[in-house]
Amino acid sequence: MSLLEIDRTLSDAVDGLTFGPPVTHVYNPLVYARPLHKQWIERYGQGPKEVVLLGMNPGPWGMAQTGVAFGEIAAVRDWMGLDGAVHKPGIEHPKRPVDGLSCTRSEVSGRRLWTWAAERFGTAEAFFARFWVLNYCPLSFMEESGRNRTPDKLPAAERAPLYAACDGALRASVLHLQPRLVIGVGKFAESMAKRVVGDLDVTIGTVLHPSPASPAANRGWAPQAEAQLLALGAL
């Protein structure tokens, strides 16, 4: 299966799931941002990759806006040179509007990751020649207040079918891309990688998550992540 076929299967599977309070809104950017997501994969996702960086799920000002993992607006538009369409989700949260590449907010995690990539590799083509970036879960969950709710905080009965779909997509993606390294961006993603593809011929590791909620990341994420990636043999 190609990455686009894997994502289509995943999107269809998670679209049939339901989530109860405190979640009030669920965004699936694989649906409403599909033109931009497809353009990203067609331009940069071809061929085997040496390293897969694995995130958790879309942030409200990143992939939820662009359909690109950690998809900070300026990086997607200006560095990657993408311009695909982004539509509106079926039911939009009033505090989390989807404006696509016109969004004026910047996701800190994505800005940190893609700024590092640009400084380290120069061009998007050079980065994606060796690396691919995935999110374990494609859905963004919001509470009534607009607060983001991560998949690990869902009730067990809701997590089980969600994780089953996400596990299948992650395994299929790794089998397709044939990386030698799968690196979780944060401990959650590392634990998912170990559970889902730990039996494959890949080395699994982790780097510090670039979230502004992380005091360690706020003390200079890029040099710490660089050192971790060097230690893992990714650079």
C-alpha atoms as a PDB file:
ATOM      1  CA  MET A   1       0.000   0.000   0.000  1.00  0.00           C
ATOM      2  CA  SER A   2       1.162   3.541  -0.726  1.00  0.00           C
ATOM      3  CA  LEU A   3       1.176   6.203   1.986  1.00  0.00           C
ATOM      4  CA  LEU A   4      -1.932   7.761   0.461  1.00  0.00           C
ATOM      5  CA  GLU A   5      -3.724   4.416   0.478  1.00  0.00           C
ATOM      6  CA  ILE A   6      -2.672   3.804   4.083  1.00  0.00           C
ATOM      7  CA  ASP A   7      -3.942   7.237   5.108  1.00  0.00           C
ATOM      8  CA  ARG A   8      -7.228   6.738   3.271  1.00  0.00           C
ATOM      9  CA  THR A   9      -7.795   3.433   5.069  1.00  0.00           C
ATOM     10  CA  LEU A  10      -6.916   5.036   8.407  1.00  0.00           C
ATOM     11  CA  SER A  11      -9.147   8.029   7.759  1.00  0.00           C
ATOM     12  CA  ASP A  12     -12.113   5.825   6.892  1.00  0.00           C
ATOM     13  CA  ALA A  13     -11.570   3.707  10.018  1.00  0.00           C
ATOM     14  CA  VAL A  14     -11.380   6.576  12.503  1.00  0.00           C
ATOM     15  CA  ASP A  15     -14.222   8.505  10.859  1.00  0.00           C
ATOM     16  CA  GLY A  16     -16.642   5.846  12.092  1.00  0.00           C
ATOM     17  CA  LEU A  17     -15.638   6.253  15.750  1.00  0.00           C
ATOM     18  CA  THR A  18     -17.502   8.294  18.356  1.00  0.00           C
ATOM     19  CA  PHE A  19     -16.124  10.127  21.383  1.00  0.00           C
ATOM     20  CA  GLY A  20     -17.999  11.326  24.430  1.00  0.00           C
ATOM     21  CA  PRO A  21     -17.573  14.191  26.926  1.00  0.00           C
ATOM     22  CA  PRO A  22     -15.443  16.050  27.716  1.00  0.00           C
ATOM     23  CA  VAL A  23     -14.602  15.859  23.985  1.00  0.00           C
ATOM     24  CA  THR A  24     -17.055  18.020  22.035  1.00  0.00           C
ATOM     25  CA  HIS A  25     -15.303  18.372  18.667  1.00  0.00           C
ATOM     26  CA  VAL A  26     -13.114  16.008  16.634  1.00  0.00           C
ATOM     27  CA  TYR A  27     -11.172  17.148  13.562  1.00  0.00           C
ATOM     28  CA  ASN A  28      -9.902  14.752  10.903  1.00  0.00           C
ATOM     29  CA  PRO A  29      -7.519  16.721   8.663  1.00  0.00           C
ATOM     30  CA  LEU A  30      -7.037  13.648   6.466  1.00  0.00           C
ATOM     31  CA  VAL A  31     -10.531  14.521   5.174  1.00  0.00           C
ATOM     32  CA  TYR A  32     -10.889  18.305   5.038  1.00  0.00           C
ATOM     33  CA  ALA A  33      -7.193  19.046   4.379  1.00  0.00           C
ATOM     34  CA  ARG A  34      -6.754  16.115   2.002  1.00  0.00           C
ATOM     35  CA  PRO A  35      -5.688  18.178  -1.055  1.00  0.00           C
ATOM     36  CA  LEU A  36      -2.784  19.715   0.881  1.00  0.00           C
ATOM     37  CA  HIS A  37      -1.961  16.456   2.673  1.00  0.00           C
ATOM     38  CA  LYS A  38      -1.925  14.645  -0.689  1.00  0.00           C
ATOM     39  CA  GLN A  39       0.326  17.290  -2.241  1.00  0.00           C
ATOM     40  CA  TRP A  40       2.783  16.905   0.665  1.00  0.00           C
ATOM     41  CA  ILE A  41       2.981  13.133   0.280  1.00  0.00           C
ATOM     42  CA  GLU A  42       3.212  13.228  -3.510  1.00  0.00           C
ATOM     43  CA  ARG A  43       6.024  15.786  -3.419  1.00  0.00           C
ATOM     44  CA  TYR A  44       8.067  14.516  -0.494  1.00  0.00           C
ATOM     45  CA  GLY A  45       6.856  11.057   0.586  1.00  0.00           C
ATOM     46  CA  GLN A  46       8.189   8.940  -2.263  1.00  0.00           C
ATOM     47  CA  GLY A  47      10.673   6.128  -1.882  1.00  0.00           C
ATOM     48  CA  PRO A  48      12.151   4.489   1.215  1.00  0.00           C
ATOM     49  CA  LYS A  49      13.271   6.708   4.093  1.00  0.00           C
ATOM     50  CA  GLU A  50      16.115   6.187   6.539  1.00  0.00           C
ATOM     51  CA  VAL A  51      14.373   7.780   9.506  1.00  0.00           C
ATOM     52  CA  VAL A  52      10.738   8.150  10.553  1.00  0.00           C
ATOM     53  CA  LEU A  53       9.938  10.773  13.182  1.00  0.00           C
ATOM     54  CA  LEU A  54       6.694   9.842  14.942  1.00  0.00           C
ATOM     55  CA  GLY A  55       4.477  12.378  16.700  1.00  0.00           C
ATOM     56  CA  MET A  56       1.299  11.890  18.711  1.00  0.00           C
ATOM     57  CA  ASN A  57      -1.634  13.659  16.992  1.00  0.00           C
ATOM     58  CA  PRO A  58      -2.419  16.983  15.276  1.00  0.00           C
ATOM     59  CA  GLY A  59      -2.063  20.265  17.127  1.00  0.00           C
ATOM     60  CA  PRO A  60      -4.790  22.893  16.589  1.00  0.00           C
ATOM     61  CA  TRP A  61      -2.467  25.325  14.782  1.00  0.00           C
ATOM     62  CA  GLY A  62      -0.367  22.724  12.982  1.00  0.00           C
ATOM     63  CA  MET A  63      -1.628  19.580  11.270  1.00  0.00           C
ATOM     64  CA  ALA A  64      -5.213  20.526  12.099  1.00  0.00           C
ATOM     65  CA  GLN A  65      -4.711  23.524   9.784  1.00  0.00           C
ATOM     66  CA  THR A  66      -2.564  21.941   7.071  1.00  0.00           C
ATOM     67  CA  GLY A  67      -2.850  18.155   7.040  1.00  0.00           C
ATOM     68  CA  VAL A  68       0.950  18.005   7.394  1.00  0.00           C
ATOM     69  CA  ALA A  69       2.437  16.431  10.525  1.00  0.00           C
ATOM     70  CA  PHE A  70       3.713  19.204  12.840  1.00  0.00           C
ATOM     71  CA  GLY A  71       2.455  21.399   9.980  1.00  0.00           C
ATOM     72  CA  GLU A  72       3.323  24.902  11.128  1.00  0.00           C
ATOM     73  CA  ILE A  73       1.934  27.340   8.568  1.00  0.00           C
ATOM     74  CA  ALA A  74       5.068  29.190   7.456  1.00  0.00           C
ATOM     75  CA  ALA A  75       7.097  25.976   7.153  1.00  0.00           C
ATOM     76  CA  VAL A  76       4.449  24.260   5.035  1.00  0.00           C
ATOM     77  CA  ARG A  77       3.784  27.266   2.828  1.00  0.00           C
ATOM     78  CA  ASP A  78       7.221  28.837   2.481  1.00  0.00           C
ATOM     79  CA  TRP A  79       9.831  26.120   3.167  1.00  0.00           C
ATOM     80  CA  MET A  80       7.978  23.133   1.704  1.00  0.00           C
ATOM     81  CA  GLY A  81       6.356  25.283  -0.988  1.00  0.00           C
ATOM     82  CA  LEU A  82       2.927  23.661  -0.667  1.00  0.00           C
ATOM     83  CA  ASP A  83      -0.302  25.400  -1.629  1.00  0.00           C
ATOM     84  CA  GLY A  84      -3.018  22.731  -1.636  1.00  0.00           C
ATOM     85  CA  ALA A  85      -6.573  23.505  -0.566  1.00  0.00           C
ATOM     86  CA  VAL A  86      -7.873  23.110   2.980  1.00  0.00           C
ATOM     87  CA  HIS A  87     -11.617  22.998   3.561  1.00  0.00           C
ATOM     88  CA  LYS A  88     -13.584  23.271   6.812  1.00  0.00           C
ATOM     89  CA  PRO A  89     -14.238  20.376   9.177  1.00  0.00           C
ATOM     90  CA  GLY A  90     -17.849  19.231   9.401  1.00  0.00           C
ATOM     91  CA  ILE A  91     -18.459  20.839  12.790  1.00  0.00           C
ATOM     92  CA  GLU A  92     -16.006  23.596  13.614  1.00  0.00           C
ATOM     93  CA  HIS A  93     -15.126  24.624  17.163  1.00  0.00           C
ATOM     94  CA  PRO A  94     -15.673  28.395  17.496  1.00  0.00           C
ATOM     95  CA  LYS A  95     -12.353  28.754  19.335  1.00  0.00           C
ATOM     96  CA  ARG A  96     -10.417  26.535  16.916  1.00  0.00           C
ATOM     97  CA  PRO A  97     -11.275  27.766  13.407  1.00  0.00           C
ATOM     98  CA  VAL A  98      -9.589  26.068  10.470  1.00  0.00           C
ATOM     99  CA  ASP A  99      -8.159  28.652   8.073  1.00  0.00           C
ATOM    100  CA  GLY A 100      -5.578  26.487   6.307  1.00  0.00           C
ATOM    101  CA  LEU A 101      -2.522  28.332   5.033  1.00  0.00           C
ATOM    102  CA  SER A 102      -4.257  31.633   5.870  1.00  0.00           C
ATOM    103  CA  CYS A 103      -4.104  30.806   9.595  1.00  0.00           C
ATOM    104  CA  THR A 104      -2.225  33.529  11.454  1.00  0.00           C
ATOM    105  CA  ARG A 105      -1.400  31.375  14.480  1.00  0.00           C
ATOM    106  CA  SER A 106       1.887  29.511  14.721  1.00  0.00           C
ATOM    107  CA  GLU A 107       2.240  26.115  16.394  1.00  0.00           C
ATOM    108  CA  VAL A 108       5.355  26.232  18.556  1.00  0.00           C
ATOM    109  CA  SER A 109       6.109  22.511  18.317  1.00  0.00           C
ATOM    110  CA  GLY A 110       5.998  22.580  14.530  1.00  0.00           C
ATOM    111  CA  ARG A 111       7.954  25.814  14.317  1.00  0.00           C
ATOM    112  CA  ARG A 112      10.733  24.350  16.439  1.00  0.00           C
ATOM    113  CA  LEU A 113      10.907  21.088  14.494  1.00  0.00           C
ATOM    114  CA  TRP A 114      10.819  22.589  10.997  1.00  0.00           C
ATOM    115  CA  THR A 115      13.163  25.471  11.885  1.00  0.00           C
ATOM    116  CA  TRP A 116      15.689  22.885  13.035  1.00  0.00           C
ATOM    117  CA  ALA A 117      15.169  20.871   9.834  1.00  0.00           C
ATOM    118  CA  ALA A 118      15.645  23.960   7.660  1.00  0.00           C
ATOM    119  CA  GLU A 119      18.799  25.010   9.494  1.00  0.00           C
ATOM    120  CA  ARG A 120      20.247  21.494   9.487  1.00  0.00           C
ATOM    121  CA  PHE A 121      19.369  20.419   5.923  1.00  0.00           C
ATOM    122  CA  GLY A 122      18.791  23.673   4.045  1.00  0.00           C
ATOM    123  CA  THR A 123      16.039  22.532   1.704  1.00  0.00           C
ATOM    124  CA  ALA A 124      12.900  20.513   2.271  1.00  0.00           C
ATOM    125  CA  GLU A 125      14.050  18.205  -0.529  1.00  0.00           C
ATOM    126  CA  ALA A 126      17.277  17.415   1.348  1.00  0.00           C
ATOM    127  CA  PHE A 127      15.424  16.709   4.600  1.00  0.00           C
ATOM    128  CA  PHE A 128      12.721  14.524   3.080  1.00  0.00           C
ATOM    129  CA  ALA A 129      15.238  12.565   1.039  1.00  0.00           C
ATOM    130  CA  ARG A 130      16.158  10.830   4.298  1.00  0.00           C
ATOM    131  CA  PHE A 131      13.366  11.622   6.786  1.00  0.00           C
ATOM    132  CA  TRP A 132       9.613  11.239   6.985  1.00  0.00           C
ATOM    133  CA  VAL A 133       7.303  12.584   9.691  1.00  0.00           C
ATOM    134  CA  LEU A 134       4.129  10.845  10.827  1.00  0.00           C
ATOM    135  CA  ASN A 135       1.566  11.307  13.551  1.00  0.00           C
ATOM    136  CA  TYR A 136       0.416   8.141  15.291  1.00  0.00           C
ATOM    137  CA  CYS A 137      -3.180   9.399  15.480  1.00  0.00           C
ATOM    138  CA  PRO A 138      -4.695  11.622  12.746  1.00  0.00           C
ATOM    139  CA  LEU A 139      -7.470  13.105  14.897  1.00  0.00           C
ATOM    140  CA  SER A 140      -7.490  16.309  16.930  1.00  0.00           C
ATOM    141  CA  PHE A 141      -9.748  16.260  20.020  1.00  0.00           C
ATOM    142  CA  MET A 142     -11.146  19.416  21.629  1.00  0.00           C
ATOM    143  CA  GLU A 143     -13.143  20.078  24.758  1.00  0.00           C
ATOM    144  CA  GLU A 144     -15.903  22.684  24.992  1.00  0.00           C
ATOM    145  CA  SER A 145     -13.402  25.257  26.286  1.00  0.00           C
ATOM    146  CA  GLY A 146     -11.211  24.676  23.217  1.00  0.00           C
ATOM    147  CA  ARG A 147      -8.659  22.812  25.278  1.00  0.00           C
ATOM    148  CA  ASN A 148      -6.766  20.128  23.394  1.00  0.00           C
ATOM    149  CA  ARG A 149      -7.267  16.563  24.636  1.00  0.00           C
ATOM    150  CA  THR A 150      -4.622  14.017  23.693  1.00  0.00           C
ATOM    151  CA  PRO A 151      -5.493  10.431  22.698  1.00  0.00           C
ATOM    152  CA  ASP A 152      -3.903   8.921  25.813  1.00  0.00           C
ATOM    153  CA  LYS A 153      -6.422  10.832  27.959  1.00  0.00           C
ATOM    154  CA  LEU A 154      -9.447   9.220  26.273  1.00  0.00           C
ATOM    155  CA  PRO A 155     -11.398   6.516  28.128  1.00  0.00           C
ATOM    156  CA  ALA A 156     -10.147   2.977  27.533  1.00  0.00           C
ATOM    157  CA  ALA A 157     -13.293   2.019  25.608  1.00  0.00           C
ATOM    158  CA  GLU A 158     -12.681   4.874  23.159  1.00  0.00           C
ATOM    159  CA  ARG A 159      -8.929   4.328  22.941  1.00  0.00           C
ATOM    160  CA  ALA A 160      -9.137   0.655  21.993  1.00  0.00           C
ATOM    161  CA  PRO A 161     -10.742   0.977  18.525  1.00  0.00           C
ATOM    162  CA  LEU A 162      -8.812   4.193  17.834  1.00  0.00           C
ATOM    163  CA  TYR A 163      -5.478   2.591  18.684  1.00  0.00           C
ATOM    164  CA  ALA A 164      -6.343  -0.488  16.613  1.00  0.00           C
ATOM    165  CA  ALA A 165      -6.784   1.677  13.511  1.00  0.00           C
ATOM    166  CA  CYS A 166      -3.690   3.767  14.263  1.00  0.00           C
ATOM    167  CA  ASP A 167      -1.579   0.670  14.946  1.00  0.00           C
ATOM    168  CA  GLY A 168      -2.459  -0.758  11.553  1.00  0.00           C
ATOM    169  CA  ALA A 169      -1.553   2.459   9.759  1.00  0.00           C
ATOM    170  CA  LEU A 170       1.737   2.880  11.625  1.00  0.00           C
ATOM    171  CA  ARG A 171       2.831  -0.666  10.899  1.00  0.00           C
ATOM    172  CA  ALA A 172       1.831  -0.397   7.242  1.00  0.00           C
ATOM    173  CA  SER A 173       3.680   2.931   6.914  1.00  0.00           C
ATOM    174  CA  VAL A 174       6.892   1.541   8.433  1.00  0.00           C
ATOM    175  CA  LEU A 175       6.719  -1.553   6.241  1.00  0.00           C
ATOM    176  CA  HIS A 176       6.243   0.698   3.212  1.00  0.00           C
ATOM    177  CA  LEU A 177       8.972   3.229   4.046  1.00  0.00           C
ATOM    178  CA  GLN A 178      11.521   0.634   5.284  1.00  0.00           C
ATOM    179  CA  PRO A 179      13.367   2.978   7.690  1.00  0.00           C
ATOM    180  CA  ARG A 180      16.266   1.826   9.820  1.00  0.00           C
ATOM    181  CA  LEU A 181      15.188   4.191  12.625  1.00  0.00           C
ATOM    182  CA  VAL A 182      11.765   5.010  14.052  1.00  0.00           C
ATOM    183  CA  ILE A 183      12.104   7.869  16.516  1.00  0.00           C
ATOM    184  CA  GLY A 184       9.277   8.936  18.769  1.00  0.00           C
ATOM    185  CA  VAL A 185       8.958  12.675  19.238  1.00  0.00           C
ATOM    186  CA  GLY A 186       8.171  12.341  22.925  1.00  0.00           C
ATOM    187  CA  LYS A 187       7.722   9.289  25.146  1.00  0.00           C
ATOM    188  CA  PHE A 188       4.143   8.489  24.079  1.00  0.00           C
ATOM    189  CA  ALA A 189       5.138   8.111  20.441  1.00  0.00           C
ATOM    190  CA  GLU A 190       8.173   6.043  21.388  1.00  0.00           C
ATOM    191  CA  SER A 191       5.985   3.688  23.407  1.00  0.00           C
ATOM    192  CA  MET A 192       3.564   3.292  20.478  1.00  0.00           C
ATOM    193  CA  ALA A 193       6.457   2.548  18.125  1.00  0.00           C
ATOM    194  CA  LYS A 194       7.886  -0.095  20.463  1.00  0.00           C
ATOM    195  CA  ARG A 195       4.502  -1.778  20.805  1.00  0.00           C
ATOM    196  CA  VAL A 196       3.525  -1.681  17.119  1.00  0.00           C
ATOM    197  CA  VAL A 197       6.779  -2.152  15.179  1.00  0.00           C
ATOM    198  CA  GLY A 198       9.199  -3.320  17.854  1.00  0.00           C
ATOM    199  CA  ASP A 199       9.334  -6.747  16.257  1.00  0.00           C
ATOM    200  CA  LEU A 200      10.512  -5.361  12.909  1.00  0.00           C
ATOM    201  CA  ASP A 201      14.105  -4.784  11.844  1.00  0.00           C
ATOM    202  CA  VAL A 202      14.193  -1.170  13.027  1.00  0.00           C
ATOM    203  CA  THR A 203      15.888   0.695  15.837  1.00  0.00           C
ATOM    204  CA  ILE A 204      13.467   2.644  18.017  1.00  0.00           C
ATOM    205  CA  GLY A 205      14.421   5.707  20.009  1.00  0.00           C
ATOM    206  CA  THR A 206      13.101   9.041  21.202  1.00  0.00           C
ATOM    207  CA  VAL A 207      13.821  12.744  21.089  1.00  0.00           C
ATOM    208  CA  LEU A 208      12.525  15.455  23.370  1.00  0.00           C
ATOM    209  CA  HIS A 209       9.088  16.734  22.360  1.00  0.00           C
ATOM    210  CA  PRO A 210       9.267  20.377  21.192  1.00  0.00           C
ATOM    211  CA  SER A 211       6.064  21.378  23.017  1.00  0.00           C
ATOM    212  CA  PRO A 212       6.103  24.712  24.884  1.00  0.00           C
ATOM    213  CA  ALA A 213       4.524  22.776  27.786  1.00  0.00           C
ATOM    214  CA  SER A 214       7.916  21.083  28.245  1.00  0.00           C
ATOM    215  CA  PRO A 215      10.296  23.100  30.473  1.00  0.00           C
ATOM    216  CA  ALA A 216      13.225  21.174  28.997  1.00  0.00           C
ATOM    217  CA  ALA A 217      12.192  22.041  25.421  1.00  0.00           C
ATOM    218  CA  ASN A 218      11.893  25.693  26.395  1.00  0.00           C
ATOM    219  CA  ARG A 219      15.564  25.676  27.368  1.00  0.00           C
ATOM    220  CA  GLY A 220      16.593  25.162  23.754  1.00  0.00           C
ATOM    221  CA  TRP A 221      14.909  22.276  21.971  1.00  0.00           C
ATOM    222  CA  ALA A 222      17.013  22.171  18.803  1.00  0.00           C
ATOM    223  CA  PRO A 223      20.465  21.527  20.333  1.00  0.00           C
ATOM    224  CA  GLN A 224      19.035  18.870  22.647  1.00  0.00           C
ATOM    225  CA  ALA A 225      17.178  17.130  19.824  1.00  0.00           C
ATOM    226  CA  GLU A 226      20.277  17.377  17.611  1.00  0.00           C
ATOM    227  CA  ALA A 227      22.382  15.644  20.279  1.00  0.00           C
ATOM    228  CA  GLN A 228      19.764  12.910  20.699  1.00  0.00           C
ATOM    229  CA  LEU A 229      19.523  12.339  16.952  1.00  0.00           C
ATOM    230  CA  LEU A 230      23.310  12.183  16.652  1.00  0.00           C
ATOM    231  CA  ALA A 231      23.454   9.625  19.467  1.00  0.00           C
ATOM    232  CA  LEU A 232      20.840   7.517  17.669  1.00  0.00           C
ATOM    233  CA  GLY A 233      22.808   7.663  14.410  1.00  0.00           C
ATOM    234  CA  ALA A 234      20.108   9.591  12.575  1.00  0.00           C
ATOM    235  CA  LEU A 235      22.396  12.382  11.370  1.00  0.00           C
END
